[in-house]
Amino acid sequence: MKPPLPGGALASNVEVTATTVRRGDIIQVGGRACRVSNLFQLPHGAKQLLFESGELLTIHTRTRLAAVRMTRRR
């Protein structure tokens, strides 16, 4: 079990793809942690991720990234 975070949330490490990525996921890109603020569907199953910093990242259907996902504690 992971230690609780302030506010009753738990952080878990997950592998995300274009299919499973969600708003709020934190992905490390170039040594910086970037939080996904919006997603845009592209042709052939790809997605474009908009980060809170305003930067964009396009991921292909076979792209796999490590992310931190915050989940509410029940």
Protein backbone atom coordinates (compact mmCIF):
# COMPACT_ATOMS: atom_id res chain seq x y z
CA MET A 1 0.00 0.00 0.00
CA LYS A 2 1.25 3.45 -0.86
CA PRO A 3 1.46 6.18 1.77
CA PRO A 4 -1.49 8.60 1.76
CA LEU A 5 -1.06 12.06 0.28
CA PRO A 6 -2.59 15.24 1.67
CA GLY A 7 -6.28 15.52 0.89
CA GLY A 8 -6.88 11.77 0.95
CA ALA A 9 -5.40 11.03 -2.50
CA LEU A 10 -3.14 8.14 -3.44
CA ALA A 11 -0.49 8.28 -6.14
CA SER A 12 0.13 5.22 -8.26
CA ASN A 13 2.59 4.58 -11.05
CA VAL A 14 0.88 3.44 -14.25
CA GLU A 15 1.84 2.79 -17.84
CA VAL A 16 -0.27 4.88 -20.21
CA THR A 17 -0.95 4.61 -23.93
CA ALA A 18 -2.98 6.75 -26.31
CA THR A 19 -5.99 4.66 -25.26
CA THR A 20 -5.53 4.85 -21.47
CA VAL A 21 -4.10 8.34 -20.84
CA ARG A 22 -6.39 10.64 -18.79
CA ARG A 23 -6.62 14.27 -17.81
CA GLY A 24 -4.64 14.81 -14.62
CA ASP A 25 -1.99 12.16 -15.37
CA ILE A 26 1.53 13.37 -14.63
CA ILE A 27 4.04 12.32 -17.28
CA GLN A 28 7.76 12.95 -17.06
CA VAL A 29 9.06 14.44 -20.31
CA GLY A 30 12.67 15.57 -20.64
CA GLY A 31 13.20 15.41 -16.89
CA ARG A 32 10.16 17.60 -16.15
CA ALA A 33 6.90 16.43 -14.65
CA CYS A 34 4.02 17.58 -16.88
CA ARG A 35 0.33 17.31 -15.93
CA VAL A 36 -2.12 16.53 -18.76
CA SER A 37 -4.79 19.22 -18.88
CA ASN A 38 -6.58 18.23 -22.11
CA LEU A 39 -6.57 15.51 -24.79
CA PHE A 40 -7.33 15.68 -28.50
CA GLN A 41 -8.14 12.63 -30.62
CA LEU A 42 -6.13 12.40 -33.86
CA PRO A 43 -6.48 10.07 -36.86
CA HIS A 44 -5.39 6.41 -36.57
CA GLY A 45 -5.83 6.31 -32.77
CA ALA A 46 -3.12 8.85 -31.92
CA LYS A 47 -3.70 11.55 -29.30
CA GLN A 48 -2.33 15.00 -28.72
CA LEU A 49 -1.77 15.84 -25.05
CA LEU A 50 -1.96 19.42 -23.84
CA PHE A 51 -0.02 20.01 -20.64
CA GLU A 52 -0.77 22.69 -18.04
CA SER A 53 2.41 24.47 -19.17
CA GLY A 54 0.88 24.92 -22.65
CA GLU A 55 3.18 22.40 -24.32
CA LEU A 56 1.84 19.71 -26.65
CA LEU A 57 2.90 16.08 -27.01
CA THR A 58 1.55 13.79 -29.72
CA ILE A 59 1.58 10.08 -28.94
CA HIS A 60 1.07 7.22 -31.38
CA THR A 61 -1.10 4.21 -30.64
CA ARG A 62 1.97 2.12 -29.74
CA THR A 63 3.60 4.77 -27.51
CA ARG A 64 3.97 3.67 -23.89
CA LEU A 65 4.80 6.17 -21.16
CA ALA A 66 5.22 5.95 -17.40
CA ALA A 67 2.87 8.24 -15.50
CA VAL A 68 1.71 9.02 -11.99
CA ARG A 69 -2.05 8.91 -11.52
CA MET A 70 -3.77 10.43 -8.50
CA THR A 71 -6.73 8.45 -7.21
CA ARG A 72 -9.14 9.44 -4.48
CA ARG A 73 -9.02 7.50 -1.28
CA ARG A 74 -12.28 5.91 -0.20
